[in-house]
Amino acid sequence: MHVLMRLNVIAAAVLEFSCVHISEGIDMTEDEDRKARERDEIAARVAAFRATQEKFKRERDEYFVSTLENARKVERPSLWP
């Protein structure tokens, strides 16, 4: 869970930084434009990674529940004859 919290902080910082620079001025140099594209790409990658991690967490939870249900269904042999 710590990874997701860190990713949220990074994504928020990237988006905030991107929004500030876009609102500052429309006349951006090529270097600023490249940096803005890179920030957008980073934000997209972080969002994709976050979605993948959440998917994995859901799958782990589903697997745990189904495994536990199956374990409870199994009849245990009696220890007494």
Protein backbone atom coordinates (compact mmCIF):
# COMPACT_ATOMS: atom_id res chain seq x y z
CA MET A 1 0.00 0.00 0.00
CA HIS A 2 2.92 2.31 0.59
CA VAL A 3 3.74 2.13 -3.13
CA LEU A 4 0.27 3.35 -4.08
CA MET A 5 0.48 6.22 -1.60
CA ARG A 6 3.84 7.27 -3.03
CA LEU A 7 2.49 7.04 -6.57
CA ASN A 8 -0.45 9.23 -5.64
CA VAL A 9 1.91 11.87 -4.27
CA ILE A 10 4.12 11.72 -7.37
CA ALA A 11 1.17 11.90 -9.74
CA ALA A 12 -0.32 14.84 -7.88
CA ALA A 13 2.99 16.70 -7.94
CA VAL A 14 3.47 16.07 -11.65
CA LEU A 15 -0.05 17.19 -12.48
CA GLU A 16 0.21 20.29 -10.29
CA PHE A 17 3.57 21.22 -11.82
CA SER A 18 2.19 20.65 -15.32
CA CYS A 19 -0.90 22.77 -14.66
CA VAL A 20 1.15 25.65 -13.24
CA HIS A 21 3.43 25.79 -16.27
CA ILE A 22 0.58 25.57 -18.75
CA SER A 23 -1.29 28.43 -17.05
CA GLU A 24 1.84 30.60 -16.81
CA GLY A 25 2.14 31.22 -20.48
CA ILE A 26 1.23 29.89 -23.87
CA ASP A 27 4.59 30.81 -25.46
CA MET A 28 6.68 27.83 -24.42
CA THR A 29 10.10 27.13 -25.80
CA GLU A 30 10.87 23.78 -27.38
CA ASP A 31 12.66 22.68 -24.22
CA GLU A 32 9.70 23.59 -22.01
CA ASP A 33 7.35 21.86 -24.44
CA ARG A 34 9.49 18.70 -24.35
CA LYS A 35 9.54 18.78 -20.56
CA ALA A 36 5.76 19.19 -20.46
CA ARG A 37 5.35 16.16 -22.73
CA GLU A 38 7.70 14.17 -20.51
CA ARG A 39 5.70 15.14 -17.40
CA ASP A 40 2.50 14.05 -19.13
CA GLU A 41 4.12 10.74 -20.07
CA ILE A 42 5.30 10.21 -16.48
CA ALA A 43 1.81 10.96 -15.16
CA ALA A 44 0.32 8.48 -17.64
CA ARG A 45 2.83 5.79 -16.68
CA VAL A 46 2.19 6.35 -12.97
CA ALA A 47 -1.56 6.08 -13.56
CA ALA A 48 -1.12 2.86 -15.55
CA PHE A 49 1.15 1.40 -12.86
CA ARG A 50 -1.32 2.36 -10.14
CA ALA A 51 -4.16 0.70 -12.06
CA THR A 52 -2.10 -2.46 -12.49
CA GLN A 53 -1.25 -2.59 -8.78
CA GLU A 54 -4.91 -2.14 -7.85
CA LYS A 55 -5.85 -4.94 -10.28
CA PHE A 56 -3.27 -7.24 -8.69
CA LYS A 57 -4.62 -6.40 -5.22
CA ARG A 58 -8.18 -7.24 -6.31
CA GLU A 59 -7.00 -10.52 -7.83
CA ARG A 60 -5.08 -11.44 -4.65
CA ASP A 61 -8.15 -10.69 -2.54
CA GLU A 62 -10.39 -12.78 -4.82
CA TYR A 63 -7.91 -15.64 -4.78
CA PHE A 64 -7.71 -15.53 -0.98
CA VAL A 65 -11.50 -15.61 -0.62
CA SER A 66 -11.96 -18.47 -3.09
CA THR A 67 -9.11 -20.50 -1.56
CA LEU A 68 -10.51 -20.01 1.94
CA GLU A 69 -14.00 -21.05 0.78
CA ASN A 70 -12.59 -24.17 -0.89
CA ALA A 71 -10.60 -25.06 2.23
CA ARG A 72 -13.72 -24.80 4.36
CA LYS A 73 -15.65 -27.12 2.02
CA VAL A 74 -13.18 -30.00 2.38
CA GLU A 75 -14.33 -32.71 4.76
CA ARG A 76 -11.76 -33.45 7.40
CA PRO A 77 -11.08 -37.07 8.28
CA SER A 78 -12.09 -38.12 11.73
CA LEU A 79 -9.25 -38.80 14.14
CA TRP A 80 -11.40 -41.30 16.04
CA PRO A 81 -12.31 -44.65 14.46
